């Protein structure tokens, strides 16, 4: 698999060979599809940006999503990053908008904690659930509500070797960064990152054309024919 670089900057990633029949890539009994490979490339790209941020002296790094690893070779890749986190005395965490953690009674734990917060009259809070039992997730699991006007709480993964003092510093920083009037309770840093990462239509066409420049005419025709067939099916369904 080759990752091409068209936009500003370059990521020197040793991207692993992808086997669509491997356990990490399969969906049930079916072989993995191209969308999972794309997700894998994006995930490794995110981790490499984390590494670059550490090299530039970043002290707090917040990722969009959990710290869970799920792709081939990802755990080994992330282990190196965690070593750099400890070496630099930095903090790394991941904030998730959704969670699949439930109480013993089958209730979503996020909703249960929100109920307890309202019952006790606590408008902002952080609750430590414990250490992740997944060997692929070296994290302490928290649920946090970062603003009194927020209508939801979020799952927060914090690297397991983070000190209590640094955890308090992280939580204080997140509260200060979660006051954006249009989305109170969600860190503005993640809102800004989302806007910067979003690919607009014009940019997508530009990247598509750059890729087409590297392909043979037969490959281009196959792609265009596939697109036409897909549009035809959608038109017939409409």
C-alpha atoms as a PDB file:
ATOM      1  CA  UNK A   1       0.000   0.000   0.000  1.00  0.00           C
ATOM      2  CA  UNK A   2       1.389   3.384  -0.969  1.00  0.00           C
ATOM      3  CA  UNK A   3       0.267   6.659   0.591  1.00  0.00           C
ATOM      4  CA  UNK A   4       0.614   9.596  -1.751  1.00  0.00           C
ATOM      5  CA  UNK A   5       1.250  13.138  -0.547  1.00  0.00           C
ATOM      6  CA  UNK A   6      -0.496  15.930  -2.424  1.00  0.00           C
ATOM      7  CA  UNK A   7      -1.174  18.545   0.202  1.00  0.00           C
ATOM      8  CA  UNK A   8       1.172  20.624   2.377  1.00  0.00           C
ATOM      9  CA  UNK A   9       3.588  18.648   4.497  1.00  0.00           C
ATOM     10  CA  UNK A  10       4.583  15.017   4.450  1.00  0.00           C
ATOM     11  CA  UNK A  11       4.147  12.090   6.815  1.00  0.00           C
ATOM     12  CA  UNK A  12       6.858   9.440   6.739  1.00  0.00           C
ATOM     13  CA  UNK A  13       4.778   6.483   7.880  1.00  0.00           C
ATOM     14  CA  UNK A  14       5.844   2.856   7.555  1.00  0.00           C
ATOM     15  CA  UNK A  15       2.365   1.752   6.587  1.00  0.00           C
ATOM     16  CA  UNK A  16       1.827  -2.012   7.143  1.00  0.00           C
ATOM     17  CA  UNK A  17       0.757  -4.372   4.384  1.00  0.00           C
ATOM     18  CA  UNK A  18      -3.019  -4.728   4.536  1.00  0.00           C
ATOM     19  CA  UNK A  19      -4.550  -8.212   4.376  1.00  0.00           C
ATOM     20  CA  UNK A  20      -8.319  -7.952   3.915  1.00  0.00           C
ATOM     21  CA  UNK A  21      -8.710 -11.497   5.288  1.00  0.00           C
ATOM     22  CA  UNK A  22      -6.898 -10.814   8.577  1.00  0.00           C
ATOM     23  CA  UNK A  23      -8.901 -10.839  11.825  1.00  0.00           C
ATOM     24  CA  UNK A  24      -8.226  -7.137  12.384  1.00  0.00           C
ATOM     25  CA  UNK A  25      -9.632  -6.182   8.987  1.00  0.00           C
ATOM     26  CA  UNK A  26     -12.546  -8.607   8.604  1.00  0.00           C
ATOM     27  CA  UNK A  27     -16.120  -7.546   9.339  1.00  0.00           C
ATOM     28  CA  UNK A  28     -17.621 -10.675  10.867  1.00  0.00           C
ATOM     29  CA  UNK A  29     -16.855 -13.468   8.410  1.00  0.00           C
ATOM     30  CA  UNK A  30     -16.576 -11.102   5.467  1.00  0.00           C
ATOM     31  CA  UNK A  31     -13.256  -9.765   4.226  1.00  0.00           C
ATOM     32  CA  UNK A  32     -12.485  -6.151   5.056  1.00  0.00           C
ATOM     33  CA  UNK A  33     -13.492  -3.501   2.548  1.00  0.00           C
ATOM     34  CA  UNK A  34     -11.672  -0.439   1.254  1.00  0.00           C
ATOM     35  CA  UNK A  35     -13.405   1.906   3.725  1.00  0.00           C
ATOM     36  CA  UNK A  36     -11.638   0.185   6.627  1.00  0.00           C
ATOM     37  CA  UNK A  37      -8.302   0.583   4.869  1.00  0.00           C
ATOM     38  CA  UNK A  38      -9.039   4.299   4.455  1.00  0.00           C
ATOM     39  CA  UNK A  39      -9.899   4.538   8.164  1.00  0.00           C
ATOM     40  CA  UNK A  40      -6.635   2.780   8.934  1.00  0.00           C
ATOM     41  CA  UNK A  41      -4.624   5.251   6.863  1.00  0.00           C
ATOM     42  CA  UNK A  42      -6.355   8.174   8.565  1.00  0.00           C
ATOM     43  CA  UNK A  43      -5.734   6.700  12.022  1.00  0.00           C
ATOM     44  CA  UNK A  44      -2.033   6.141  11.396  1.00  0.00           C
ATOM     45  CA  UNK A  45      -1.855   9.674  10.017  1.00  0.00           C
ATOM     46  CA  UNK A  46      -3.384  11.013  13.233  1.00  0.00           C
ATOM     47  CA  UNK A  47      -0.856   9.140  15.348  1.00  0.00           C
ATOM     48  CA  UNK A  48       2.005  10.466  13.226  1.00  0.00           C
ATOM     49  CA  UNK A  49       0.711  14.015  13.747  1.00  0.00           C
ATOM     50  CA  UNK A  50       0.771  13.282  17.489  1.00  0.00           C
ATOM     51  CA  UNK A  51       4.407  12.248  17.192  1.00  0.00           C
ATOM     52  CA  UNK A  52       5.229  15.458  15.298  1.00  0.00           C
ATOM     53  CA  UNK A  53       3.429  17.510  17.948  1.00  0.00           C
ATOM     54  CA  UNK A  54       5.517  15.862  20.660  1.00  0.00           C
ATOM     55  CA  UNK A  55       8.692  16.674  18.745  1.00  0.00           C
ATOM     56  CA  UNK A  56       7.612  20.324  18.616  1.00  0.00           C
ATOM     57  CA  UNK A  57       7.192  20.399  22.405  1.00  0.00           C
ATOM     58  CA  UNK A  58       3.419  19.938  22.856  1.00  0.00           C
ATOM     59  CA  UNK A  59       2.500  19.387  26.508  1.00  0.00           C
ATOM     60  CA  UNK A  60      -1.186  18.494  26.141  1.00  0.00           C
ATOM     61  CA  UNK A  61      -2.506  16.502  23.172  1.00  0.00           C
ATOM     62  CA  UNK A  62      -6.231  15.828  22.789  1.00  0.00           C
ATOM     63  CA  UNK A  63      -7.389  13.387  20.126  1.00  0.00           C
ATOM     64  CA  UNK A  64     -10.862  13.091  18.638  1.00  0.00           C
ATOM     65  CA  UNK A  65     -12.040   9.651  19.760  1.00  0.00           C
ATOM     66  CA  UNK A  66     -10.742   7.060  22.195  1.00  0.00           C
ATOM     67  CA  UNK A  67      -7.162   5.875  22.563  1.00  0.00           C
ATOM     68  CA  UNK A  68      -8.253   2.355  21.608  1.00  0.00           C
ATOM     69  CA  UNK A  69      -6.106   0.668  18.965  1.00  0.00           C
ATOM     70  CA  UNK A  70      -7.739  -1.752  16.542  1.00  0.00           C
ATOM     71  CA  UNK A  71      -5.723  -1.916  13.316  1.00  0.00           C
ATOM     72  CA  UNK A  72      -2.794  -4.202  12.407  1.00  0.00           C
ATOM     73  CA  UNK A  73       0.488  -2.953  13.936  1.00  0.00           C
ATOM     74  CA  UNK A  74      -1.281   0.027  15.547  1.00  0.00           C
ATOM     75  CA  UNK A  75      -0.536  -1.033  19.137  1.00  0.00           C
ATOM     76  CA  UNK A  76       3.182  -1.352  18.392  1.00  0.00           C
ATOM     77  CA  UNK A  77       3.145   2.034  16.649  1.00  0.00           C
ATOM     78  CA  UNK A  78       1.346   3.728  19.549  1.00  0.00           C
ATOM     79  CA  UNK A  79       3.629   2.148  22.151  1.00  0.00           C
ATOM     80  CA  UNK A  80       6.502   4.182  20.709  1.00  0.00           C
ATOM     81  CA  UNK A  81       4.401   7.348  20.963  1.00  0.00           C
ATOM     82  CA  UNK A  82       3.541   6.646  24.610  1.00  0.00           C
ATOM     83  CA  UNK A  83       7.257   6.280  25.336  1.00  0.00           C
ATOM     84  CA  UNK A  84       7.782   9.751  23.855  1.00  0.00           C
ATOM     85  CA  UNK A  85       4.857  11.109  25.905  1.00  0.00           C
ATOM     86  CA  UNK A  86       6.526   9.930  29.115  1.00  0.00           C
ATOM     87  CA  UNK A  87       9.953  11.123  28.004  1.00  0.00           C
ATOM     88  CA  UNK A  88       8.599  14.636  27.298  1.00  0.00           C
ATOM     89  CA  UNK A  89       6.395  14.755  30.428  1.00  0.00           C
ATOM     90  CA  UNK A  90       3.418  15.421  28.166  1.00  0.00           C
ATOM     91  CA  UNK A  91      -0.256  14.491  28.490  1.00  0.00           C
ATOM     92  CA  UNK A  92      -2.236  12.598  25.863  1.00  0.00           C
ATOM     93  CA  UNK A  93      -5.973  11.960  25.962  1.00  0.00           C
ATOM     94  CA  UNK A  94      -8.875  11.209  23.640  1.00  0.00           C
ATOM     95  CA  UNK A  95     -12.433  12.572  23.843  1.00  0.00           C
ATOM     96  CA  UNK A  96     -15.312  10.492  22.442  1.00  0.00           C
ATOM     97  CA  UNK A  97     -18.782  11.815  21.630  1.00  0.00           C
ATOM     98  CA  UNK A  98     -20.291   8.328  21.962  1.00  0.00           C
ATOM     99  CA  UNK A  99     -19.658   5.322  24.186  1.00  0.00           C
ATOM    100  CA  UNK A 100     -20.689   1.671  24.350  1.00  0.00           C
ATOM    101  CA  UNK A 101     -20.087   1.327  28.098  1.00  0.00           C
ATOM    102  CA  UNK A 102     -23.162   0.254  30.085  1.00  0.00           C
ATOM    103  CA  UNK A 103     -24.060  -0.286  33.736  1.00  0.00           C
ATOM    104  CA  UNK A 104     -24.728  -3.782  35.103  1.00  0.00           C
ATOM    105  CA  UNK A 105     -28.439  -3.072  34.596  1.00  0.00           C
ATOM    106  CA  UNK A 106     -27.914  -2.392  30.902  1.00  0.00           C
ATOM    107  CA  UNK A 107     -28.237   1.397  31.068  1.00  0.00           C
ATOM    108  CA  UNK A 108     -25.872   3.637  29.076  1.00  0.00           C
ATOM    109  CA  UNK A 109     -23.403   4.821  31.682  1.00  0.00           C
ATOM    110  CA  UNK A 110     -23.293   8.334  30.204  1.00  0.00           C
ATOM    111  CA  UNK A 111     -27.035   8.814  30.720  1.00  0.00           C
ATOM    112  CA  UNK A 112     -26.837   7.330  34.215  1.00  0.00           C
ATOM    113  CA  UNK A 113     -24.058   9.729  35.239  1.00  0.00           C
ATOM    114  CA  UNK A 114     -25.930  12.697  33.786  1.00  0.00           C
ATOM    115  CA  UNK A 115     -28.951  11.679  35.871  1.00  0.00           C
ATOM    116  CA  UNK A 116     -26.840  11.500  39.042  1.00  0.00           C
ATOM    117  CA  UNK A 117     -25.308  14.898  38.286  1.00  0.00           C
ATOM    118  CA  UNK A 118     -28.730  16.519  37.887  1.00  0.00           C
ATOM    119  CA  UNK A 119     -30.011  14.808  41.029  1.00  0.00           C
ATOM    120  CA  UNK A 120     -27.111  16.139  43.093  1.00  0.00           C
ATOM    121  CA  UNK A 121     -27.180  19.566  41.441  1.00  0.00           C
ATOM    122  CA  UNK A 122     -23.650  19.304  40.025  1.00  0.00           C
ATOM    123  CA  UNK A 123     -23.321  21.204  36.741  1.00  0.00           C
ATOM    124  CA  UNK A 124     -19.725  20.260  35.846  1.00  0.00           C
ATOM    125  CA  UNK A 125     -18.055  17.023  36.830  1.00  0.00           C
ATOM    126  CA  UNK A 126     -15.532  14.301  36.042  1.00  0.00           C
ATOM    127  CA  UNK A 127     -16.046  10.667  37.041  1.00  0.00           C
ATOM    128  CA  UNK A 128     -13.312   8.057  36.873  1.00  0.00           C
ATOM    129  CA  UNK A 129     -14.701   4.715  35.705  1.00  0.00           C
ATOM    130  CA  UNK A 130     -11.431   2.817  35.933  1.00  0.00           C
ATOM    131  CA  UNK A 131      -8.648   1.382  33.827  1.00  0.00           C
ATOM    132  CA  UNK A 132      -9.610  -0.077  30.477  1.00  0.00           C
ATOM    133  CA  UNK A 133      -9.601  -3.883  30.496  1.00  0.00           C
ATOM    134  CA  UNK A 134      -8.759  -3.929  26.795  1.00  0.00           C
ATOM    135  CA  UNK A 135      -5.078  -4.728  26.292  1.00  0.00           C
ATOM    136  CA  UNK A 136      -5.238  -2.565  23.172  1.00  0.00           C
ATOM    137  CA  UNK A 137      -6.252   0.513  25.170  1.00  0.00           C
ATOM    138  CA  UNK A 138      -3.659   1.756  27.666  1.00  0.00           C
ATOM    139  CA  UNK A 139      -6.031   4.262  29.217  1.00  0.00           C
ATOM    140  CA  UNK A 140      -7.891   5.403  32.289  1.00  0.00           C
ATOM    141  CA  UNK A 141     -11.560   5.922  31.412  1.00  0.00           C
ATOM    142  CA  UNK A 142     -13.356   9.034  32.627  1.00  0.00           C
ATOM    143  CA  UNK A 143     -16.715  10.596  31.826  1.00  0.00           C
ATOM    144  CA  UNK A 144     -16.772  14.379  31.927  1.00  0.00           C
ATOM    145  CA  UNK A 145     -19.272  17.205  31.684  1.00  0.00           C
ATOM    146  CA  UNK A 146     -17.254  20.318  30.912  1.00  0.00           C
ATOM    147  CA  UNK A 147     -19.835  23.135  30.943  1.00  0.00           C
ATOM    148  CA  UNK A 148     -22.950  23.867  32.975  1.00  0.00           C
ATOM    149  CA  UNK A 149     -24.993  24.510  29.823  1.00  0.00           C
ATOM    150  CA  UNK A 150     -23.904  21.341  28.043  1.00  0.00           C
ATOM    151  CA  UNK A 151     -26.655  18.815  27.346  1.00  0.00           C
ATOM    152  CA  UNK A 152     -24.336  15.801  27.407  1.00  0.00           C
ATOM    153  CA  UNK A 153     -21.210  14.278  28.862  1.00  0.00           C
ATOM    154  CA  UNK A 154     -18.299  12.702  27.007  1.00  0.00           C
ATOM    155  CA  UNK A 155     -15.982   9.761  27.444  1.00  0.00           C
ATOM    156  CA  UNK A 156     -12.394  10.797  28.103  1.00  0.00           C
ATOM    157  CA  UNK A 157      -9.498   8.351  27.720  1.00  0.00           C
ATOM    158  CA  UNK A 158      -6.306   9.417  29.496  1.00  0.00           C
ATOM    159  CA  UNK A 159      -3.027   7.552  29.059  1.00  0.00           C
ATOM    160  CA  UNK A 160      -2.756   5.171  32.016  1.00  0.00           C
ATOM    161  CA  UNK A 161       0.620   6.417  33.334  1.00  0.00           C
ATOM    162  CA  UNK A 162      -0.549  10.025  33.679  1.00  0.00           C
ATOM    163  CA  UNK A 163      -0.092  11.427  37.199  1.00  0.00           C
ATOM    164  CA  UNK A 164      -3.016  12.704  39.271  1.00  0.00           C
ATOM    165  CA  UNK A 165      -1.555  16.204  39.122  1.00  0.00           C
ATOM    166  CA  UNK A 166      -1.428  16.109  35.318  1.00  0.00           C
ATOM    167  CA  UNK A 167      -4.961  14.706  35.127  1.00  0.00           C
ATOM    168  CA  UNK A 168      -6.217  17.675  37.160  1.00  0.00           C
ATOM    169  CA  UNK A 169      -4.280  20.024  34.886  1.00  0.00           C
ATOM    170  CA  UNK A 170      -5.812  18.382  31.809  1.00  0.00           C
ATOM    171  CA  UNK A 171      -9.361  18.610  33.176  1.00  0.00           C
ATOM    172  CA  UNK A 172      -8.908  22.282  34.106  1.00  0.00           C
ATOM    173  CA  UNK A 173      -7.601  23.031  30.611  1.00  0.00           C
ATOM    174  CA  UNK A 174     -10.546  21.238  28.992  1.00  0.00           C
ATOM    175  CA  UNK A 175     -13.059  23.208  31.061  1.00  0.00           C
ATOM    176  CA  UNK A 176     -11.421  26.482  30.005  1.00  0.00           C
ATOM    177  CA  UNK A 177     -11.433  25.352  26.359  1.00  0.00           C
ATOM    178  CA  UNK A 178     -15.090  24.267  26.341  1.00  0.00           C
ATOM    179  CA  UNK A 179     -16.909  27.603  26.519  1.00  0.00           C
ATOM    180  CA  UNK A 180     -17.718  28.162  22.839  1.00  0.00           C
ATOM    181  CA  UNK A 181     -21.266  29.574  22.822  1.00  0.00           C
ATOM    182  CA  UNK A 182     -22.434  27.492  19.852  1.00  0.00           C
ATOM    183  CA  UNK A 183     -21.350  24.189  21.406  1.00  0.00           C
ATOM    184  CA  UNK A 184     -20.786  24.593  25.165  1.00  0.00           C
ATOM    185  CA  UNK A 185     -19.112  21.662  26.856  1.00  0.00           C
ATOM    186  CA  UNK A 186     -17.137  20.509  23.819  1.00  0.00           C
ATOM    187  CA  UNK A 187     -13.474  21.577  23.501  1.00  0.00           C
ATOM    188  CA  UNK A 188     -13.033  24.294  20.890  1.00  0.00           C
ATOM    189  CA  UNK A 189      -9.693  22.746  19.921  1.00  0.00           C
ATOM    190  CA  UNK A 190     -11.571  19.731  18.520  1.00  0.00           C
ATOM    191  CA  UNK A 191     -14.098  21.969  16.748  1.00  0.00           C
ATOM    192  CA  UNK A 192     -11.237  23.863  15.128  1.00  0.00           C
ATOM    193  CA  UNK A 193      -9.451  20.630  14.180  1.00  0.00           C
ATOM    194  CA  UNK A 194     -12.633  19.288  12.585  1.00  0.00           C
ATOM    195  CA  UNK A 195     -13.059  22.410  10.463  1.00  0.00           C
ATOM    196  CA  UNK A 196      -9.433  22.311   9.334  1.00  0.00           C
ATOM    197  CA  UNK A 197      -9.566  18.590   8.489  1.00  0.00           C
ATOM    198  CA  UNK A 198     -12.817  18.728   6.553  1.00  0.00           C
ATOM    199  CA  UNK A 199     -12.312  18.247   2.821  1.00  0.00           C
ATOM    200  CA  UNK A 200     -14.508  20.531   0.702  1.00  0.00           C
ATOM    201  CA  UNK A 201     -15.903  19.624  -2.699  1.00  0.00           C
ATOM    202  CA  UNK A 202     -13.373  21.693  -4.659  1.00  0.00           C
ATOM    203  CA  UNK A 203     -10.467  20.218  -2.715  1.00  0.00           C
ATOM    204  CA  UNK A 204     -11.825  16.690  -3.219  1.00  0.00           C
ATOM    205  CA  UNK A 205     -12.013  17.242  -6.987  1.00  0.00           C
ATOM    206  CA  UNK A 206      -8.464  18.616  -6.981  1.00  0.00           C
ATOM    207  CA  UNK A 207      -7.126  15.562  -5.124  1.00  0.00           C
ATOM    208  CA  UNK A 208      -9.118  13.234  -7.391  1.00  0.00           C
ATOM    209  CA  UNK A 209      -7.554  14.811 -10.471  1.00  0.00           C
ATOM    210  CA  UNK A 210      -4.064  14.490  -8.998  1.00  0.00           C
ATOM    211  CA  UNK A 211      -4.675  10.788  -8.400  1.00  0.00           C
ATOM    212  CA  UNK A 212      -6.043  10.316 -11.901  1.00  0.00           C
ATOM    213  CA  UNK A 213      -2.851  11.857 -13.303  1.00  0.00           C
ATOM    214  CA  UNK A 214      -0.942   8.912 -11.822  1.00  0.00           C
ATOM    215  CA  UNK A 215      -3.249   6.200 -13.205  1.00  0.00           C
ATOM    216  CA  UNK A 216      -3.378   4.426 -16.538  1.00  0.00           C
ATOM    217  CA  UNK A 217      -6.286   5.299 -18.823  1.00  0.00           C
ATOM    218  CA  UNK A 218      -7.800   1.824 -18.312  1.00  0.00           C
ATOM    219  CA  UNK A 219      -7.826   2.255 -14.529  1.00  0.00           C
ATOM    220  CA  UNK A 220      -9.483   5.654 -14.888  1.00  0.00           C
ATOM    221  CA  UNK A 221     -12.184   4.174 -17.121  1.00  0.00           C
ATOM    222  CA  UNK A 222     -12.884   1.422 -14.590  1.00  0.00           C
ATOM    223  CA  UNK A 223     -13.322   3.987 -11.808  1.00  0.00           C
ATOM    224  CA  UNK A 224     -15.558   6.223 -13.919  1.00  0.00           C
ATOM    225  CA  UNK A 225     -17.665   3.244 -15.029  1.00  0.00           C
ATOM    226  CA  UNK A 226     -18.106   2.173 -11.389  1.00  0.00           C
ATOM    227  CA  UNK A 227     -19.222   5.689 -10.461  1.00  0.00           C
ATOM    228  CA  UNK A 228     -21.717   5.777 -13.339  1.00  0.00           C
ATOM    229  CA  UNK A 229     -23.189   2.409 -12.338  1.00  0.00           C
ATOM    230  CA  UNK A 230     -23.550   3.537  -8.720  1.00  0.00           C
ATOM    231  CA  UNK A 231     -25.312   6.759  -9.761  1.00  0.00           C
ATOM    232  CA  UNK A 232     -27.608   4.798 -12.093  1.00  0.00           C
ATOM    233  CA  UNK A 233     -28.655   2.476  -9.267  1.00  0.00           C
ATOM    234  CA  UNK A 234     -29.362   5.433  -6.974  1.00  0.00           C
ATOM    235  CA  UNK A 235     -31.396   7.150  -9.713  1.00  0.00           C
ATOM    236  CA  UNK A 236     -33.472   3.994 -10.219  1.00  0.00           C
ATOM    237  CA  UNK A 237     -34.094   3.722  -6.478  1.00  0.00           C
ATOM    238  CA  UNK A 238     -35.246   7.353  -6.456  1.00  0.00           C
END
